[in-house]
Amino acid sequence: MSRRKIEFRQFETHCTAVLDNYMIVVETPRGSATDQQLALAQDIVENLHSHLERATRYLDLFVDREKACGNADEQWFLDEITLLDHDHGAALVYKAGSSLTGDDGGCWTVRIRAFDYSENPHERGIIPFSFSRDQG
């Protein structure tokens, strides 16, 4: 299986890539993405279903879709993934922003810790730890 190469566009404090119907943003206030951020971004693209499944399972622990959008069976729609600024040695944190049709202007964001993104992929951990909803 060939890897899908991510083409990032660098800005002053972040870089972005648009993939299919969503965007990946990598915060880079020190000038460029770390190797760990790029490895995580690549893993997210290659294993998107797995990453989204964890995020939506976490949201479903707290969010009643029927109350949020009027349809308990409505699927979450991925809008954006943001890899937060990263200090070497610390766990990576990223945010997955999703929305529900019928929840006009609402963006539900799950913050996820990603461990060991410079090591063996079989020992990696992806742990959702908080969520929020923004109205925009």
N, C-alpha and C. Protein backbone atom coordinates (compact mmCIF):
# COMPACT_ATOMS: atom_id res chain seq x y z
N MET A 1 0.84 -1.18 0.00
CA MET A 1 0.00 0.00 0.00
C MET A 1 0.89 1.24 0.00
N SER A 2 0.64 2.16 -0.91
CA SER A 2 1.46 3.36 -0.98
C SER A 2 0.94 4.40 0.01
N ARG A 3 1.86 5.18 0.53
CA ARG A 3 1.51 6.23 1.48
C ARG A 3 1.02 7.44 0.72
N ARG A 4 -0.01 8.05 1.24
CA ARG A 4 -0.52 9.29 0.67
C ARG A 4 0.32 10.44 1.23
N LYS A 5 1.02 11.13 0.37
CA LYS A 5 1.89 12.22 0.82
C LYS A 5 1.05 13.45 1.12
N ILE A 6 1.34 14.03 2.28
CA ILE A 6 0.65 15.24 2.69
C ILE A 6 1.46 16.45 2.23
N GLU A 7 0.83 17.33 1.51
CA GLU A 7 1.48 18.56 1.05
C GLU A 7 1.01 19.72 1.93
N PHE A 8 1.88 20.20 2.82
CA PHE A 8 1.55 21.30 3.71
C PHE A 8 1.95 22.63 3.10
N ARG A 9 1.17 23.64 3.40
CA ARG A 9 1.50 25.01 3.02
C ARG A 9 1.88 25.74 4.30
N GLN A 10 3.11 26.27 4.37
CA GLN A 10 3.63 26.89 5.58
C GLN A 10 3.22 28.36 5.66
N PHE A 11 2.73 28.77 6.83
CA PHE A 11 2.45 30.16 7.15
C PHE A 11 3.34 30.55 8.33
N GLU A 12 3.19 31.74 8.86
CA GLU A 12 4.08 32.20 9.92
C GLU A 12 3.99 31.34 11.18
N THR A 13 2.78 31.00 11.62
CA THR A 13 2.62 30.28 12.89
C THR A 13 1.98 28.90 12.75
N HIS A 14 1.73 28.47 11.52
CA HIS A 14 1.10 27.17 11.32
C HIS A 14 1.29 26.74 9.87
N CYS A 15 1.01 25.48 9.63
CA CYS A 15 0.95 25.01 8.24
C CYS A 15 -0.35 24.24 8.07
N THR A 16 -0.84 24.19 6.85
CA THR A 16 -2.13 23.55 6.57
C THR A 16 -2.03 22.62 5.37
N ALA A 17 -2.92 21.64 5.38
CA ALA A 17 -3.10 20.75 4.23
C ALA A 17 -4.58 20.47 4.12
N VAL A 18 -5.13 20.56 2.92
CA VAL A 18 -6.53 20.23 2.69
C VAL A 18 -6.58 18.85 2.07
N LEU A 19 -7.32 17.95 2.71
CA LEU A 19 -7.42 16.56 2.26
C LEU A 19 -8.89 16.19 2.17
N ASP A 20 -9.31 15.76 1.01
CA ASP A 20 -10.72 15.38 0.81
C ASP A 20 -11.61 16.52 1.29
N ASN A 21 -12.43 16.27 2.32
CA ASN A 21 -13.37 17.29 2.79
C ASN A 21 -12.97 17.90 4.13
N TYR A 22 -11.73 17.75 4.53
CA TYR A 22 -11.31 18.30 5.82
C TYR A 22 -9.92 18.91 5.69
N MET A 23 -9.54 19.64 6.73
CA MET A 23 -8.25 20.31 6.75
C MET A 23 -7.45 19.82 7.94
N ILE A 24 -6.13 19.70 7.75
CA ILE A 24 -5.22 19.44 8.86
C ILE A 24 -4.41 20.72 9.06
N VAL A 25 -4.38 21.19 10.31
CA VAL A 25 -3.60 22.36 10.67
C VAL A 25 -2.55 21.91 11.68
N VAL A 26 -1.32 22.32 11.48
CA VAL A 26 -0.24 22.02 12.42
C VAL A 26 0.29 23.35 12.94
N GLU A 27 0.15 23.55 14.28
CA GLU A 27 0.68 24.77 14.88
C GLU A 27 2.20 24.71 14.88
N THR A 28 2.82 25.78 14.37
CA THR A 28 4.29 25.82 14.26
C THR A 28 4.82 27.19 14.67
N PRO A 29 4.58 27.63 15.91
CA PRO A 29 5.01 28.97 16.29
C PRO A 29 6.53 29.16 16.29
N ARG A 30 7.29 28.06 16.30
CA ARG A 30 8.75 28.17 16.26
C ARG A 30 9.29 27.99 14.84
N GLY A 31 8.42 28.01 13.85
CA GLY A 31 8.90 28.03 12.48
C GLY A 31 8.56 26.83 11.63
N SER A 32 8.61 25.62 12.17
CA SER A 32 8.28 24.46 11.35
C SER A 32 7.77 23.33 12.23
N ALA A 33 7.05 22.42 11.62
CA ALA A 33 6.48 21.27 12.34
C ALA A 33 7.60 20.35 12.82
N THR A 34 7.37 19.72 13.96
CA THR A 34 8.34 18.74 14.46
C THR A 34 8.17 17.43 13.70
N ASP A 35 9.19 16.60 13.74
CA ASP A 35 9.09 15.28 13.12
C ASP A 35 7.93 14.49 13.70
N GLN A 36 7.70 14.63 15.02
CA GLN A 36 6.61 13.91 15.67
C GLN A 36 5.26 14.41 15.17
N GLN A 37 5.11 15.71 14.98
CA GLN A 37 3.86 16.24 14.45
C GLN A 37 3.61 15.72 13.04
N LEU A 38 4.64 15.71 12.22
CA LEU A 38 4.49 15.21 10.84
C LEU A 38 4.16 13.72 10.82
N ALA A 39 4.78 12.94 11.73
CA ALA A 39 4.47 11.51 11.81
C ALA A 39 3.03 11.29 12.23
N LEU A 40 2.56 12.07 13.20
CA LEU A 40 1.17 11.94 13.63
C LEU A 40 0.22 12.36 12.52
N ALA A 41 0.50 13.45 11.82
CA ALA A 41 -0.35 13.88 10.71
C ALA A 41 -0.44 12.79 9.65
N GLN A 42 0.69 12.16 9.33
CA GLN A 42 0.69 11.07 8.35
C GLN A 42 -0.15 9.90 8.85
N ASP A 43 -0.01 9.57 10.13
CA ASP A 43 -0.79 8.46 10.69
C ASP A 43 -2.28 8.76 10.68
N ILE A 44 -2.65 10.00 10.97
CA ILE A 44 -4.06 10.38 10.94
C ILE A 44 -4.63 10.19 9.54
N VAL A 45 -3.89 10.63 8.53
CA VAL A 45 -4.35 10.49 7.15
C VAL A 45 -4.49 9.00 6.78
N GLU A 46 -3.50 8.21 7.14
CA GLU A 46 -3.51 6.79 6.77
C GLU A 46 -4.51 5.96 7.58
N ASN A 47 -4.83 6.41 8.78
CA ASN A 47 -5.73 5.65 9.67
C ASN A 47 -6.88 6.53 10.15
N LEU A 48 -7.40 7.34 9.25
CA LEU A 48 -8.41 8.33 9.62
C LEU A 48 -9.61 7.69 10.31
N HIS A 49 -10.09 6.58 9.81
CA HIS A 49 -11.27 5.94 10.40
C HIS A 49 -11.04 5.62 11.87
N SER A 50 -9.90 5.07 12.19
CA SER A 50 -9.57 4.71 13.57
C SER A 50 -9.52 5.93 14.48
N HIS A 51 -8.87 7.00 14.01
CA HIS A 51 -8.78 8.22 14.80
C HIS A 51 -10.16 8.83 15.02
N LEU A 52 -10.97 8.87 13.97
CA LEU A 52 -12.31 9.46 14.10
C LEU A 52 -13.22 8.61 14.97
N GLU A 53 -13.07 7.31 14.88
CA GLU A 53 -13.89 6.42 15.69
C GLU A 53 -13.65 6.69 17.18
N ARG A 54 -12.40 6.87 17.56
CA ARG A 54 -12.10 7.18 18.96
C ARG A 54 -12.72 8.51 19.37
N ALA A 55 -12.60 9.51 18.51
CA ALA A 55 -13.14 10.83 18.83
C ALA A 55 -14.66 10.79 18.94
N THR A 56 -15.33 10.13 18.00
CA THR A 56 -16.79 10.11 18.04
C THR A 56 -17.32 9.23 19.17
N ARG A 57 -16.62 8.15 19.49
CA ARG A 57 -17.04 7.34 20.66
C ARG A 57 -16.95 8.18 21.93
N TYR A 58 -15.91 8.99 22.03
CA TYR A 58 -15.76 9.86 23.19
C TYR A 58 -16.90 10.88 23.24
N LEU A 59 -17.19 11.53 22.12
CA LEU A 59 -18.30 12.49 22.08
C LEU A 59 -19.61 11.84 22.47
N ASP A 60 -19.83 10.62 21.99
CA ASP A 60 -21.10 9.94 22.26
C ASP A 60 -21.28 9.60 23.74
N LEU A 61 -20.20 9.62 24.52
CA LEU A 61 -20.34 9.43 25.97
C LEU A 61 -21.06 10.62 26.61
N PHE A 62 -20.98 11.80 25.98
CA PHE A 62 -21.49 13.03 26.58
C PHE A 62 -22.59 13.71 25.77
N VAL A 63 -22.63 13.49 24.47
CA VAL A 63 -23.53 14.24 23.60
C VAL A 63 -24.71 13.37 23.16
N ASP A 64 -25.91 13.84 23.41
CA ASP A 64 -27.13 13.20 22.94
C ASP A 64 -27.43 13.79 21.55
N ARG A 65 -27.17 13.01 20.51
CA ARG A 65 -27.34 13.53 19.15
C ARG A 65 -28.78 13.96 18.88
N GLU A 66 -29.74 13.26 19.48
CA GLU A 66 -31.16 13.63 19.31
C GLU A 66 -31.39 15.06 19.79
N LYS A 67 -30.85 15.39 20.95
CA LYS A 67 -31.01 16.75 21.48
C LYS A 67 -30.16 17.76 20.73
N ALA A 68 -28.98 17.36 20.29
CA ALA A 68 -28.07 18.29 19.62
C ALA A 68 -28.55 18.70 18.24
N CYS A 69 -29.12 17.73 17.49
CA CYS A 69 -29.47 18.06 16.10
C CYS A 69 -30.83 17.55 15.66
N GLY A 70 -31.54 16.84 16.56
CA GLY A 70 -32.87 16.35 16.22
C GLY A 70 -32.89 14.98 15.59
N ASN A 71 -31.73 14.31 15.48
CA ASN A 71 -31.67 12.99 14.86
C ASN A 71 -30.61 12.15 15.59
N ALA A 72 -31.06 11.15 16.31
CA ALA A 72 -30.15 10.30 17.09
C ALA A 72 -29.19 9.51 16.20
N ASP A 73 -29.54 9.33 14.93
CA ASP A 73 -28.70 8.55 14.01
C ASP A 73 -27.80 9.40 13.12
N GLU A 74 -27.82 10.70 13.32
CA GLU A 74 -27.00 11.60 12.50
C GLU A 74 -25.52 11.27 12.70
N GLN A 75 -24.78 11.23 11.61
CA GLN A 75 -23.34 10.92 11.67
C GLN A 75 -22.54 12.19 11.91
N TRP A 76 -21.43 12.03 12.63
CA TRP A 76 -20.50 13.14 12.83
C TRP A 76 -19.76 13.40 11.51
N PHE A 77 -19.57 14.68 11.18
CA PHE A 77 -18.86 15.08 9.97
C PHE A 77 -17.57 15.78 10.39
N LEU A 78 -16.43 15.25 9.96
CA LEU A 78 -15.14 15.84 10.30
C LEU A 78 -14.94 17.15 9.54
N ASP A 79 -14.60 18.20 10.28
CA ASP A 79 -14.33 19.51 9.69
C ASP A 79 -12.84 19.81 9.63
N GLU A 80 -12.14 19.56 10.75
CA GLU A 80 -10.74 19.95 10.83
C GLU A 80 -10.02 19.17 11.91
N ILE A 81 -8.75 18.93 11.66
CA ILE A 81 -7.86 18.35 12.66
C ILE A 81 -6.73 19.35 12.88
N THR A 82 -6.47 19.67 14.15
CA THR A 82 -5.41 20.62 14.48
C THR A 82 -4.42 19.94 15.42
N LEU A 83 -3.17 19.87 14.99
CA LEU A 83 -2.10 19.38 15.86
C LEU A 83 -1.54 20.59 16.59
N LEU A 84 -1.61 20.54 17.91
CA LEU A 84 -1.21 21.69 18.72
C LEU A 84 0.30 21.80 18.81
N ASP A 85 0.76 22.99 19.21
CA ASP A 85 2.19 23.22 19.40
C ASP A 85 2.77 22.11 20.26
N HIS A 86 3.99 21.70 19.94
CA HIS A 86 4.57 20.52 20.59
C HIS A 86 5.95 20.83 21.15
N ASP A 87 6.12 20.57 22.45
CA ASP A 87 7.44 20.65 23.08
C ASP A 87 8.05 19.27 23.04
N HIS A 88 9.31 19.19 22.64
CA HIS A 88 9.99 17.90 22.54
C HIS A 88 9.89 17.15 23.86
N GLY A 89 9.53 15.88 23.80
CA GLY A 89 9.43 15.05 24.98
C GLY A 89 8.04 14.99 25.57
N ALA A 90 7.18 15.91 25.23
CA ALA A 90 5.81 15.91 25.74
C ALA A 90 4.92 15.12 24.79
N ALA A 91 3.80 14.64 25.32
CA ALA A 91 2.83 13.96 24.47
C ALA A 91 2.26 14.95 23.46
N LEU A 92 2.05 14.50 22.25
CA LEU A 92 1.38 15.33 21.25
C LEU A 92 -0.09 15.44 21.61
N VAL A 93 -0.66 16.57 21.30
CA VAL A 93 -2.10 16.76 21.49
C VAL A 93 -2.67 17.27 20.17
N TYR A 94 -3.79 16.66 19.77
CA TYR A 94 -4.47 17.19 18.60
C TYR A 94 -5.96 17.31 18.89
N LYS A 95 -6.61 18.14 18.08
CA LYS A 95 -8.05 18.36 18.21
C LYS A 95 -8.73 17.90 16.93
N ALA A 96 -9.81 17.18 17.09
CA ALA A 96 -10.64 16.79 15.95
C ALA A 96 -11.95 17.55 16.08
N GLY A 97 -12.21 18.45 15.13
CA GLY A 97 -13.43 19.25 15.13
C GLY A 97 -14.46 18.63 14.21
N SER A 98 -15.64 18.35 14.75
CA SER A 98 -16.70 17.70 13.98
C SER A 98 -18.01 18.45 14.15
N SER A 99 -18.93 18.20 13.23
CA SER A 99 -20.24 18.83 13.31
C SER A 99 -21.32 17.81 12.98
N LEU A 100 -22.54 18.18 13.32
CA LEU A 100 -23.72 17.37 13.02
C LEU A 100 -24.66 18.19 12.15
N THR A 101 -25.19 17.60 11.09
CA THR A 101 -26.20 18.28 10.29
C THR A 101 -27.40 18.53 11.19
N GLY A 102 -27.90 19.74 11.18
CA GLY A 102 -29.04 20.09 12.02
C GLY A 102 -28.63 20.82 13.30
N ASP A 103 -27.36 20.77 13.65
CA ASP A 103 -26.83 21.52 14.78
C ASP A 103 -26.15 22.74 14.20
N ASP A 104 -26.96 23.68 13.72
CA ASP A 104 -26.46 24.81 12.94
C ASP A 104 -25.41 25.62 13.69
N GLY A 105 -24.24 25.73 13.06
CA GLY A 105 -23.16 26.53 13.59
C GLY A 105 -22.38 25.90 14.73
N GLY A 106 -22.71 24.67 15.09
CA GLY A 106 -22.02 24.03 16.20
C GLY A 106 -20.81 23.23 15.73
N CYS A 107 -19.70 23.39 16.45
CA CYS A 107 -18.51 22.60 16.18
C CYS A 107 -18.10 21.92 17.48
N TRP A 108 -18.11 20.59 17.46
CA TRP A 108 -17.75 19.79 18.62
C TRP A 108 -16.29 19.37 18.46
N THR A 109 -15.48 19.67 19.46
CA THR A 109 -14.06 19.41 19.37
C THR A 109 -13.63 18.44 20.47
N VAL A 110 -12.90 17.41 20.08
CA VAL A 110 -12.32 16.46 21.03
C VAL A 110 -10.82 16.69 21.05
N ARG A 111 -10.27 16.83 22.25
CA ARG A 111 -8.81 16.93 22.41
C ARG A 111 -8.29 15.54 22.72
N ILE A 112 -7.22 15.15 22.01
CA ILE A 112 -6.70 13.79 22.07
C ILE A 112 -5.20 13.83 22.30
N ARG A 113 -4.72 13.03 23.25
CA ARG A 113 -3.28 12.88 23.46
C ARG A 113 -2.79 11.72 22.60
N ALA A 114 -1.69 11.91 21.97
CA ALA A 114 -1.08 10.87 21.13
C ALA A 114 0.33 10.63 21.65
N PHE A 115 0.60 9.43 22.11
CA PHE A 115 1.88 9.10 22.72
C PHE A 115 2.77 8.33 21.76
N ASP A 116 4.07 8.54 21.88
CA ASP A 116 5.08 7.73 21.20
C ASP A 116 5.02 7.81 19.68
N TYR A 117 4.92 9.02 19.13
CA TYR A 117 4.85 9.13 17.67
C TYR A 117 6.21 9.20 17.00
N SER A 118 7.25 8.88 17.74
CA SER A 118 8.55 8.73 17.09
C SER A 118 9.08 7.32 17.30
N GLU A 119 8.25 6.46 17.85
CA GLU A 119 8.65 5.10 18.22
C GLU A 119 7.87 4.07 17.40
N ASN A 120 7.83 2.87 17.91
CA ASN A 120 7.13 1.75 17.28
C ASN A 120 5.63 2.02 17.17
N PRO A 121 5.05 1.93 15.98
CA PRO A 121 3.62 2.22 15.83
C PRO A 121 2.72 1.27 16.62
N HIS A 122 3.19 0.09 16.97
CA HIS A 122 2.36 -0.85 17.72
C HIS A 122 2.27 -0.48 19.20
N GLU A 123 3.10 0.45 19.64
CA GLU A 123 3.09 0.85 21.04
C GLU A 123 2.51 2.26 21.22
N ARG A 124 1.88 2.77 20.22
CA ARG A 124 1.33 4.12 20.27
C ARG A 124 0.01 4.14 21.02
N GLY A 125 -0.25 5.25 21.67
CA GLY A 125 -1.51 5.42 22.37
C GLY A 125 -2.24 6.66 21.91
N ILE A 126 -3.54 6.53 21.72
CA ILE A 126 -4.40 7.64 21.33
C ILE A 126 -5.49 7.72 22.39
N ILE A 127 -5.49 8.80 23.19
CA ILE A 127 -6.42 8.87 24.31
C ILE A 127 -7.18 10.20 24.30
N PRO A 128 -8.49 10.17 23.99
CA PRO A 128 -9.30 11.39 24.10
C PRO A 128 -9.38 11.80 25.57
N PHE A 129 -9.32 13.12 25.84
CA PHE A 129 -9.37 13.53 27.24
C PHE A 129 -10.27 14.73 27.53
N SER A 130 -10.77 15.41 26.53
CA SER A 130 -11.74 16.48 26.79
C SER A 130 -12.49 16.83 25.51
N PHE A 131 -13.63 17.50 25.68
CA PHE A 131 -14.37 17.97 24.52
C PHE A 131 -14.95 19.34 24.82
N SER A 132 -15.31 20.03 23.76
CA SER A 132 -15.98 21.33 23.90
C SER A 132 -16.87 21.54 22.70
N ARG A 133 -17.76 22.50 22.81
CA ARG A 133 -18.62 22.88 21.68
C ARG A 133 -18.53 24.37 21.50
N ASP A 134 -18.25 24.78 20.28
CA ASP A 134 -18.21 26.20 19.93
C ASP A 134 -19.38 26.49 19.02
N GLN A 135 -19.94 27.66 19.17
CA GLN A 135 -21.02 28.12 18.30
C GLN A 135 -20.45 29.18 17.40
N GLY A 136 -20.59 28.99 16.09
CA GLY A 136 -19.98 29.98 15.21
C GLY A 136 -20.76 30.31 14.01
